[in-house]
């Protein structure tokens, strides 16, 4: 499923930040989804990790509770949107000021992306359904019925269910 630029890549950045365990994983999640951030200071990485901790409840919440959670994020992170033309890219929206720095840009980008997704397809956010796995994901599948973060987790659950049925049969 394709989303608008903020609902797609920005929501994927949000999921990657929630799942990141280190500063390099934070940066990889941002760069891997098209953000042009070359490096993070230790302070910036710490502040972005704290923001990621605030993003996690959006993925785990019931669909009806997501708008309020995202509104709280938007009220803290959002700036006035403007059209940017930089680095040879076509005109596109930015939700943070040009001088916001990496932390401000990440906050506005992820809050904006989650807002678009919550408005367009609120059931496309989730946390892995395998017990013990807390990985957040954005469901980009065609049918929108994803329950697991990966094929690996899905297979583990299905194999365990199959073995349990075999024991009771």
N, C-alpha and C. Protein backbone atom coordinates (compact mmCIF):
# COMPACT_ATOMS: atom_id res chain seq x y z
N UNK A 1 0.85 -1.17 0.00
CA UNK A 1 0.00 0.00 0.00
C UNK A 1 0.89 1.23 0.00
N UNK A 2 0.58 2.20 -0.82
CA UNK A 2 1.37 3.42 -0.88
C UNK A 2 0.63 4.54 -0.16
N UNK A 3 1.37 5.26 0.67
CA UNK A 3 0.82 6.37 1.41
C UNK A 3 1.43 7.65 0.88
N UNK A 4 0.88 8.78 1.30
CA UNK A 4 1.51 10.04 0.92
C UNK A 4 2.89 10.11 1.58
N UNK A 5 3.74 11.06 1.18
CA UNK A 5 5.11 11.07 1.69
C UNK A 5 5.23 11.11 3.20
N UNK A 6 4.32 11.80 3.87
CA UNK A 6 4.43 11.82 5.32
C UNK A 6 3.83 10.57 5.95
N UNK A 7 2.78 10.04 5.39
CA UNK A 7 2.16 8.85 5.96
C UNK A 7 2.94 7.59 5.69
N UNK A 8 3.77 7.57 4.67
CA UNK A 8 4.52 6.37 4.33
C UNK A 8 5.89 6.36 4.95
N UNK A 9 6.86 6.99 4.28
CA UNK A 9 8.22 6.96 4.82
C UNK A 9 8.32 7.51 6.24
N UNK A 10 7.58 8.54 6.56
CA UNK A 10 7.66 9.12 7.90
C UNK A 10 7.15 8.15 8.95
N UNK A 11 6.08 7.43 8.66
CA UNK A 11 5.57 6.42 9.59
C UNK A 11 6.56 5.27 9.71
N UNK A 12 7.22 4.92 8.60
CA UNK A 12 8.24 3.87 8.65
C UNK A 12 9.44 4.32 9.49
N UNK A 13 9.80 5.59 9.39
CA UNK A 13 10.87 6.12 10.25
C UNK A 13 10.44 5.99 11.71
N UNK A 14 9.19 6.34 12.00
CA UNK A 14 8.68 6.23 13.38
C UNK A 14 8.82 4.80 13.89
N UNK A 15 8.43 3.83 13.08
CA UNK A 15 8.54 2.42 13.50
C UNK A 15 10.00 2.04 13.71
N UNK A 16 10.88 2.45 12.79
CA UNK A 16 12.29 2.12 12.94
C UNK A 16 12.89 2.76 14.19
N UNK A 17 12.48 3.98 14.51
CA UNK A 17 12.98 4.63 15.72
C UNK A 17 12.50 3.89 16.97
N UNK A 18 11.24 3.48 16.96
CA UNK A 18 10.69 2.74 18.10
C UNK A 18 11.46 1.44 18.31
N UNK A 19 11.88 0.81 17.22
CA UNK A 19 12.56 -0.48 17.31
C UNK A 19 14.07 -0.37 17.48
N UNK A 20 14.63 0.81 17.35
CA UNK A 20 16.08 1.00 17.41
C UNK A 20 16.60 0.77 18.83
N UNK A 21 17.78 0.18 18.89
CA UNK A 21 18.40 -0.06 20.19
C UNK A 21 19.67 0.73 20.40
N UNK A 22 20.13 1.44 19.37
CA UNK A 22 21.37 2.20 19.48
C UNK A 22 21.30 3.45 18.62
N UNK A 23 22.25 4.34 18.82
CA UNK A 23 22.31 5.57 18.03
C UNK A 23 22.50 5.25 16.55
N UNK A 24 23.31 4.25 16.23
CA UNK A 24 23.53 3.91 14.82
C UNK A 24 22.25 3.35 14.20
N UNK A 25 21.46 2.59 14.97
CA UNK A 25 20.19 2.09 14.46
C UNK A 25 19.18 3.22 14.26
N UNK A 26 19.22 4.23 15.13
CA UNK A 26 18.36 5.40 14.94
C UNK A 26 18.69 6.06 13.61
N UNK A 27 19.97 6.30 13.38
CA UNK A 27 20.40 6.95 12.15
C UNK A 27 20.09 6.09 10.93
N UNK A 28 20.32 4.78 11.03
CA UNK A 28 20.02 3.87 9.92
C UNK A 28 18.53 3.91 9.56
N UNK A 29 17.67 3.96 10.57
CA UNK A 29 16.23 4.01 10.33
C UNK A 29 15.81 5.28 9.61
N UNK A 30 16.46 6.37 9.94
CA UNK A 30 16.12 7.64 9.30
C UNK A 30 16.65 7.67 7.87
N UNK A 31 17.91 7.37 7.70
CA UNK A 31 18.54 7.43 6.38
C UNK A 31 17.93 6.38 5.47
N UNK A 32 17.65 5.19 6.00
CA UNK A 32 17.07 4.11 5.20
C UNK A 32 15.69 4.43 4.66
N UNK A 33 15.03 5.39 5.25
CA UNK A 33 13.70 5.80 4.80
C UNK A 33 13.71 7.19 4.17
N UNK A 34 14.87 7.63 3.70
CA UNK A 34 14.95 8.83 2.90
C UNK A 34 15.24 10.13 3.59
N UNK A 35 15.44 10.13 4.90
CA UNK A 35 15.79 11.39 5.57
C UNK A 35 17.25 11.70 5.30
N UNK A 36 17.54 12.96 5.06
CA UNK A 36 18.92 13.35 4.81
C UNK A 36 19.54 13.93 6.07
N UNK A 37 19.88 13.03 6.98
CA UNK A 37 20.59 13.37 8.21
C UNK A 37 21.88 12.56 8.18
N UNK A 38 23.00 13.25 8.15
CA UNK A 38 24.28 12.59 7.98
C UNK A 38 24.83 11.98 9.27
N UNK A 39 24.60 12.64 10.38
CA UNK A 39 25.15 12.16 11.65
C UNK A 39 24.33 12.74 12.80
N UNK A 40 24.48 12.11 13.96
CA UNK A 40 23.82 12.59 15.18
C UNK A 40 24.86 12.73 16.28
N UNK A 41 24.75 13.79 17.04
CA UNK A 41 25.58 13.90 18.23
C UNK A 41 25.00 12.96 19.29
N UNK A 42 25.75 12.72 20.34
CA UNK A 42 25.23 11.87 21.42
C UNK A 42 23.97 12.48 22.03
N UNK A 43 23.96 13.79 22.21
CA UNK A 43 22.78 14.47 22.76
C UNK A 43 21.58 14.33 21.84
N UNK A 44 21.78 14.51 20.53
CA UNK A 44 20.68 14.37 19.57
C UNK A 44 20.14 12.94 19.57
N UNK A 45 21.04 11.97 19.60
CA UNK A 45 20.61 10.56 19.63
C UNK A 45 19.80 10.28 20.90
N UNK A 46 20.23 10.81 22.02
CA UNK A 46 19.50 10.62 23.28
C UNK A 46 18.12 11.24 23.21
N UNK A 47 18.04 12.45 22.65
CA UNK A 47 16.74 13.13 22.55
C UNK A 47 15.81 12.44 21.55
N UNK A 48 16.36 11.92 20.47
CA UNK A 48 15.54 11.19 19.49
C UNK A 48 15.08 9.87 20.09
N UNK A 49 15.94 9.19 20.85
CA UNK A 49 15.54 7.94 21.52
C UNK A 49 14.40 8.21 22.51
N UNK A 50 14.46 9.34 23.21
CA UNK A 50 13.38 9.70 24.13
C UNK A 50 12.09 9.95 23.35
N UNK A 51 12.19 10.58 22.19
CA UNK A 51 11.03 10.80 21.33
C UNK A 51 10.48 9.46 20.85
N UNK A 52 11.36 8.55 20.48
CA UNK A 52 10.92 7.23 20.03
C UNK A 52 10.13 6.51 21.12
N UNK A 53 10.55 6.70 22.35
CA UNK A 53 9.82 6.12 23.48
C UNK A 53 8.40 6.69 23.55
N UNK A 54 8.23 7.94 23.17
CA UNK A 54 6.91 8.57 23.14
C UNK A 54 6.07 8.08 21.96
N UNK A 55 6.74 7.63 20.88
CA UNK A 55 6.02 7.14 19.70
C UNK A 55 5.44 5.74 19.91
N UNK A 56 6.12 4.92 20.72
CA UNK A 56 5.72 3.51 20.88
C UNK A 56 4.24 3.32 21.23
N UNK A 57 3.66 4.08 22.16
CA UNK A 57 2.26 3.86 22.51
C UNK A 57 1.29 4.00 21.33
N UNK A 58 1.65 4.79 20.33
CA UNK A 58 0.78 4.94 19.16
C UNK A 58 0.63 3.59 18.45
N UNK A 59 1.71 2.85 18.33
CA UNK A 59 1.68 1.56 17.65
C UNK A 59 0.91 0.51 18.46
N UNK A 60 1.00 0.59 19.77
CA UNK A 60 0.37 -0.41 20.63
C UNK A 60 -1.09 -0.10 20.98
N UNK A 61 -1.52 1.12 20.75
CA UNK A 61 -2.86 1.56 21.17
C UNK A 61 -3.95 0.99 20.27
N UNK A 62 -5.15 0.96 20.83
CA UNK A 62 -6.33 0.64 20.03
C UNK A 62 -6.53 1.76 19.00
N UNK A 63 -7.13 1.41 17.87
CA UNK A 63 -7.33 2.37 16.78
C UNK A 63 -8.05 3.62 17.29
N UNK A 64 -9.04 3.47 18.15
CA UNK A 64 -9.82 4.62 18.64
C UNK A 64 -8.99 5.55 19.52
N UNK A 65 -7.93 5.05 20.13
CA UNK A 65 -7.10 5.86 21.02
C UNK A 65 -5.95 6.57 20.30
N UNK A 66 -5.67 6.18 19.07
CA UNK A 66 -4.51 6.73 18.36
C UNK A 66 -4.62 8.22 18.06
N UNK A 67 -5.77 8.75 17.65
CA UNK A 67 -5.82 10.19 17.36
C UNK A 67 -5.38 11.07 18.54
N UNK A 68 -5.81 10.76 19.73
CA UNK A 68 -5.44 11.57 20.89
C UNK A 68 -3.94 11.48 21.15
N UNK A 69 -3.38 10.29 21.02
CA UNK A 69 -1.94 10.13 21.24
C UNK A 69 -1.14 10.91 20.21
N UNK A 70 -1.56 10.84 18.95
CA UNK A 70 -0.84 11.56 17.89
C UNK A 70 -1.04 13.06 18.04
N UNK A 71 -2.23 13.49 18.45
CA UNK A 71 -2.44 14.93 18.68
C UNK A 71 -1.49 15.47 19.74
N UNK A 72 -1.23 14.68 20.78
CA UNK A 72 -0.26 15.10 21.80
C UNK A 72 1.13 15.27 21.19
N UNK A 73 1.51 14.33 20.32
CA UNK A 73 2.81 14.42 19.66
C UNK A 73 2.87 15.64 18.74
N UNK A 74 1.79 15.84 17.99
CA UNK A 74 1.75 16.98 17.07
C UNK A 74 1.84 18.31 17.80
N UNK A 75 1.15 18.41 18.93
CA UNK A 75 1.17 19.67 19.66
C UNK A 75 2.57 20.01 20.15
N UNK A 76 3.35 19.00 20.42
CA UNK A 76 4.72 19.24 20.89
C UNK A 76 5.71 19.43 19.73
N UNK A 77 5.45 18.77 18.60
CA UNK A 77 6.46 18.72 17.54
C UNK A 77 6.17 19.58 16.32
N UNK A 78 4.93 19.84 16.04
CA UNK A 78 4.57 20.43 14.75
C UNK A 78 4.95 21.91 14.65
N UNK A 79 5.35 22.26 13.47
CA UNK A 79 5.58 23.65 13.10
C UNK A 79 4.65 23.94 11.92
N UNK A 80 4.75 25.11 11.39
CA UNK A 80 3.95 25.43 10.22
C UNK A 80 4.52 24.71 9.00
N UNK A 81 3.67 24.02 8.26
CA UNK A 81 4.17 23.36 7.05
C UNK A 81 4.58 24.39 6.00
N UNK A 82 5.57 24.03 5.22
CA UNK A 82 5.98 24.89 4.11
C UNK A 82 6.52 23.99 2.99
N UNK A 83 6.54 24.53 1.80
CA UNK A 83 7.03 23.78 0.65
C UNK A 83 8.53 24.04 0.51
N UNK A 84 9.29 22.96 0.47
CA UNK A 84 10.74 23.07 0.36
C UNK A 84 11.20 22.61 -1.01
N UNK A 85 12.27 23.22 -1.48
CA UNK A 85 12.93 22.79 -2.71
C UNK A 85 14.43 22.82 -2.43
N UNK A 86 14.97 21.66 -2.11
CA UNK A 86 16.39 21.59 -1.79
C UNK A 86 17.01 20.33 -2.38
N UNK A 87 18.30 20.32 -2.45
CA UNK A 87 19.07 19.15 -2.90
C UNK A 87 18.59 18.59 -4.23
N UNK A 88 18.08 19.44 -5.11
CA UNK A 88 17.63 18.99 -6.41
C UNK A 88 16.33 18.19 -6.40
N UNK A 89 15.66 18.14 -5.27
CA UNK A 89 14.39 17.40 -5.17
C UNK A 89 13.25 18.28 -5.65
N UNK A 90 12.17 17.65 -6.13
CA UNK A 90 11.00 18.46 -6.51
C UNK A 90 10.38 19.08 -5.26
N UNK A 91 9.52 20.07 -5.45
CA UNK A 91 8.88 20.70 -4.28
C UNK A 91 8.17 19.65 -3.42
N UNK A 92 8.35 19.78 -2.12
CA UNK A 92 7.72 18.84 -1.17
C UNK A 92 7.49 19.55 0.15
N UNK A 93 6.59 18.98 0.96
CA UNK A 93 6.25 19.59 2.25
C UNK A 93 7.28 19.26 3.31
N UNK A 94 7.56 20.25 4.14
CA UNK A 94 8.32 20.05 5.37
C UNK A 94 7.43 20.52 6.51
N UNK A 95 7.51 19.82 7.61
CA UNK A 95 6.70 20.18 8.76
C UNK A 95 7.53 20.81 9.87
N UNK A 96 8.81 21.02 9.60
CA UNK A 96 9.65 21.69 10.59
C UNK A 96 10.42 22.80 9.91
N UNK A 97 10.84 23.76 10.69
CA UNK A 97 11.60 24.88 10.15
C UNK A 97 12.94 24.39 9.62
N UNK A 98 13.46 25.11 8.65
CA UNK A 98 14.73 24.72 8.06
C UNK A 98 15.84 24.62 9.08
N UNK A 99 15.80 25.43 10.11
CA UNK A 99 16.86 25.43 11.11
C UNK A 99 16.50 24.60 12.36
N UNK A 100 15.54 23.71 12.25
CA UNK A 100 15.07 22.94 13.40
C UNK A 100 16.11 21.95 13.91
N UNK A 101 17.07 21.57 13.09
CA UNK A 101 18.06 20.58 13.49
C UNK A 101 17.48 19.18 13.43
N UNK A 102 18.32 18.17 13.57
CA UNK A 102 17.85 16.79 13.43
C UNK A 102 16.73 16.39 14.38
N UNK A 103 16.81 16.83 15.63
CA UNK A 103 15.79 16.43 16.61
C UNK A 103 14.44 17.02 16.23
N UNK A 104 14.40 18.30 15.94
CA UNK A 104 13.15 18.93 15.54
C UNK A 104 12.59 18.36 14.26
N UNK A 105 13.46 18.08 13.31
CA UNK A 105 13.02 17.51 12.05
C UNK A 105 12.43 16.12 12.26
N UNK A 106 13.09 15.30 13.05
CA UNK A 106 12.59 13.93 13.30
C UNK A 106 11.26 13.98 14.03
N UNK A 107 11.15 14.83 15.00
CA UNK A 107 9.89 14.93 15.75
C UNK A 107 8.73 15.35 14.85
N UNK A 108 8.93 16.40 14.08
CA UNK A 108 7.87 16.88 13.19
C UNK A 108 7.56 15.85 12.11
N UNK A 109 8.58 15.25 11.53
CA UNK A 109 8.39 14.29 10.45
C UNK A 109 7.62 13.06 10.92
N UNK A 110 8.02 12.50 12.05
CA UNK A 110 7.35 11.29 12.52
C UNK A 110 5.94 11.58 13.05
N UNK A 111 5.76 12.69 13.75
CA UNK A 111 4.42 13.05 14.23
C UNK A 111 3.50 13.30 13.04
N UNK A 112 4.00 14.03 12.03
CA UNK A 112 3.20 14.27 10.82
C UNK A 112 2.87 13.00 10.09
N UNK A 113 3.84 12.11 9.98
CA UNK A 113 3.61 10.84 9.29
C UNK A 113 2.59 9.97 9.99
N UNK A 114 2.70 9.89 11.31
CA UNK A 114 1.72 9.11 12.06
C UNK A 114 0.34 9.75 11.98
N UNK A 115 0.29 11.08 11.96
CA UNK A 115 -1.01 11.77 11.84
C UNK A 115 -1.68 11.42 10.51
N UNK A 116 -0.93 11.49 9.43
CA UNK A 116 -1.51 11.14 8.13
C UNK A 116 -1.99 9.69 8.13
N UNK A 117 -1.19 8.81 8.68
CA UNK A 117 -1.55 7.40 8.67
C UNK A 117 -2.77 7.13 9.56
N UNK A 118 -2.82 7.77 10.72
CA UNK A 118 -3.97 7.58 11.62
C UNK A 118 -5.25 8.10 10.96
N UNK A 119 -5.14 9.14 10.13
CA UNK A 119 -6.31 9.66 9.43
C UNK A 119 -6.70 8.81 8.23
N UNK A 120 -5.72 8.27 7.52
CA UNK A 120 -5.98 7.53 6.28
C UNK A 120 -6.20 6.03 6.50
N UNK A 121 -5.44 5.45 7.39
CA UNK A 121 -5.50 3.99 7.59
C UNK A 121 -5.03 3.64 9.00
N UNK A 122 -5.82 3.97 10.01
CA UNK A 122 -5.37 3.80 11.39
C UNK A 122 -5.10 2.36 11.81
N UNK A 123 -5.64 1.41 11.08
CA UNK A 123 -5.41 0.01 11.42
C UNK A 123 -4.12 -0.53 10.82
N UNK A 124 -3.32 0.32 10.19
CA UNK A 124 -2.07 -0.10 9.55
C UNK A 124 -0.86 0.03 10.46
N UNK A 125 -1.06 0.33 11.73
CA UNK A 125 0.02 0.39 12.71
C UNK A 125 -0.17 -0.77 13.67
N UNK A 126 0.93 -1.32 14.16
CA UNK A 126 0.79 -2.39 15.13
C UNK A 126 2.08 -2.78 15.80
N UNK A 127 1.95 -3.69 16.74
CA UNK A 127 3.07 -4.31 17.43
C UNK A 127 2.95 -5.80 17.19
N UNK A 128 4.06 -6.46 16.98
CA UNK A 128 4.09 -7.88 16.64
C UNK A 128 3.21 -8.70 17.58
N UNK A 129 2.47 -9.64 17.00
CA UNK A 129 1.56 -10.48 17.76
C UNK A 129 2.20 -11.69 18.41
N UNK A 130 3.52 -11.88 18.20
CA UNK A 130 4.20 -13.00 18.85
C UNK A 130 4.52 -12.62 20.28
N UNK A 131 4.15 -13.48 21.21
CA UNK A 131 4.42 -13.22 22.62
C UNK A 131 5.92 -13.03 22.82
N UNK A 132 6.25 -11.94 23.51
CA UNK A 132 7.66 -11.65 23.78
C UNK A 132 8.31 -10.74 22.76
N UNK A 133 7.68 -10.53 21.61
CA UNK A 133 8.23 -9.63 20.60
C UNK A 133 7.48 -8.31 20.68
N UNK A 134 8.20 -7.25 20.81
CA UNK A 134 7.60 -5.92 20.96
C UNK A 134 7.88 -5.03 19.75
N UNK A 135 8.21 -5.62 18.62
CA UNK A 135 8.59 -4.85 17.44
C UNK A 135 7.37 -4.15 16.84
N UNK A 136 7.51 -2.84 16.65
CA UNK A 136 6.44 -2.03 16.03
C UNK A 136 6.59 -2.13 14.51
N UNK A 137 5.46 -2.01 13.81
CA UNK A 137 5.50 -2.06 12.35
C UNK A 137 4.41 -1.19 11.75
N UNK A 138 4.62 -0.84 10.48
CA UNK A 138 3.61 -0.19 9.65
C UNK A 138 3.22 -1.24 8.62
N UNK A 139 1.96 -1.57 8.55
CA UNK A 139 1.46 -2.59 7.63
C UNK A 139 1.33 -2.01 6.23
N UNK A 140 2.24 -2.39 5.35
CA UNK A 140 2.19 -1.94 3.96
C UNK A 140 1.72 -3.06 3.04
N UNK A 141 1.18 -4.12 3.62
CA UNK A 141 0.69 -5.24 2.81
C UNK A 141 -0.54 -4.82 2.01
N UNK A 142 -0.81 -5.55 0.97
CA UNK A 142 -1.94 -5.23 0.11
C UNK A 142 -3.27 -5.36 0.85
N UNK A 143 -3.44 -6.42 1.62
CA UNK A 143 -4.74 -6.64 2.26
C UNK A 143 -4.86 -6.02 3.66
N UNK A 144 -3.77 -5.49 4.20
CA UNK A 144 -3.83 -4.81 5.49
C UNK A 144 -4.16 -5.70 6.67
N UNK A 145 -3.72 -6.96 6.63
CA UNK A 145 -4.06 -7.88 7.71
C UNK A 145 -2.83 -8.38 8.47
N UNK A 146 -1.78 -7.63 8.41
CA UNK A 146 -0.53 -8.03 9.05
C UNK A 146 -0.70 -8.08 10.57
N UNK A 147 -0.12 -9.13 11.20
CA UNK A 147 -0.18 -9.26 12.65
C UNK A 147 1.20 -9.42 13.28
N UNK A 148 2.20 -9.66 12.43
CA UNK A 148 3.54 -9.94 12.93
C UNK A 148 4.55 -8.99 12.29
N UNK A 149 5.67 -8.78 12.97
CA UNK A 149 6.69 -7.87 12.47
C UNK A 149 7.46 -8.46 11.30
N UNK A 150 7.50 -9.79 11.23
CA UNK A 150 8.30 -10.45 10.20
C UNK A 150 7.75 -11.84 9.91
N UNK A 151 8.21 -12.38 8.82
CA UNK A 151 7.84 -13.76 8.48
C UNK A 151 8.36 -14.71 9.55
N UNK A 152 9.53 -14.40 10.08
CA UNK A 152 10.13 -15.25 11.11
C UNK A 152 9.22 -15.37 12.33
N UNK A 153 8.70 -14.25 12.82
CA UNK A 153 7.80 -14.29 13.99
C UNK A 153 6.50 -15.01 13.64
N UNK A 154 5.95 -14.75 12.46
CA UNK A 154 4.72 -15.42 12.05
C UNK A 154 4.93 -16.93 12.00
N UNK A 155 6.04 -17.35 11.44
CA UNK A 155 6.33 -18.78 11.33
C UNK A 155 6.45 -19.42 12.71
N UNK A 156 7.13 -18.75 13.63
CA UNK A 156 7.27 -19.29 14.98
C UNK A 156 5.90 -19.52 15.63
N UNK A 157 5.01 -18.55 15.48
CA UNK A 157 3.67 -18.67 16.08
C UNK A 157 2.90 -19.80 15.40
N UNK A 158 2.95 -19.86 14.08
CA UNK A 158 2.20 -20.88 13.35
C UNK A 158 2.72 -22.28 13.64
N UNK A 159 4.03 -22.44 13.75
CA UNK A 159 4.60 -23.75 14.08
C UNK A 159 4.21 -24.16 15.49
N UNK A 160 4.28 -23.21 16.43
CA UNK A 160 3.88 -23.52 17.81
C UNK A 160 2.41 -23.90 17.88
N UNK A 161 1.56 -23.20 17.14
CA UNK A 161 0.13 -23.54 17.11
C UNK A 161 -0.08 -24.92 16.51
N UNK A 162 0.65 -25.22 15.46
CA UNK A 162 0.53 -26.53 14.81
C UNK A 162 0.97 -27.64 15.77
N UNK A 163 2.07 -27.45 16.45
CA UNK A 163 2.56 -28.46 17.41
C UNK A 163 1.57 -28.65 18.56
N UNK A 164 0.97 -27.55 19.01
CA UNK A 164 -0.01 -27.64 20.10
C UNK A 164 -1.23 -28.43 19.65
N UNK A 165 -1.65 -28.25 18.39
CA UNK A 165 -2.80 -29.00 17.87
C UNK A 165 -2.46 -30.48 17.74
N UNK A 166 -1.23 -30.77 17.38
CA UNK A 166 -0.81 -32.16 17.22
C UNK A 166 -0.80 -32.88 18.54
N UNK A 167 -0.43 -32.17 19.61
CA UNK A 167 -0.40 -32.79 20.94
C UNK A 167 -1.80 -33.07 21.47
N UNK A 168 -2.76 -32.24 21.10
CA UNK A 168 -4.12 -32.43 21.61
C UNK A 168 -4.94 -33.36 20.72
N UNK A 169 -4.42 -33.69 19.54
CA UNK A 169 -5.16 -34.56 18.63
C UNK A 169 -5.02 -36.00 18.94
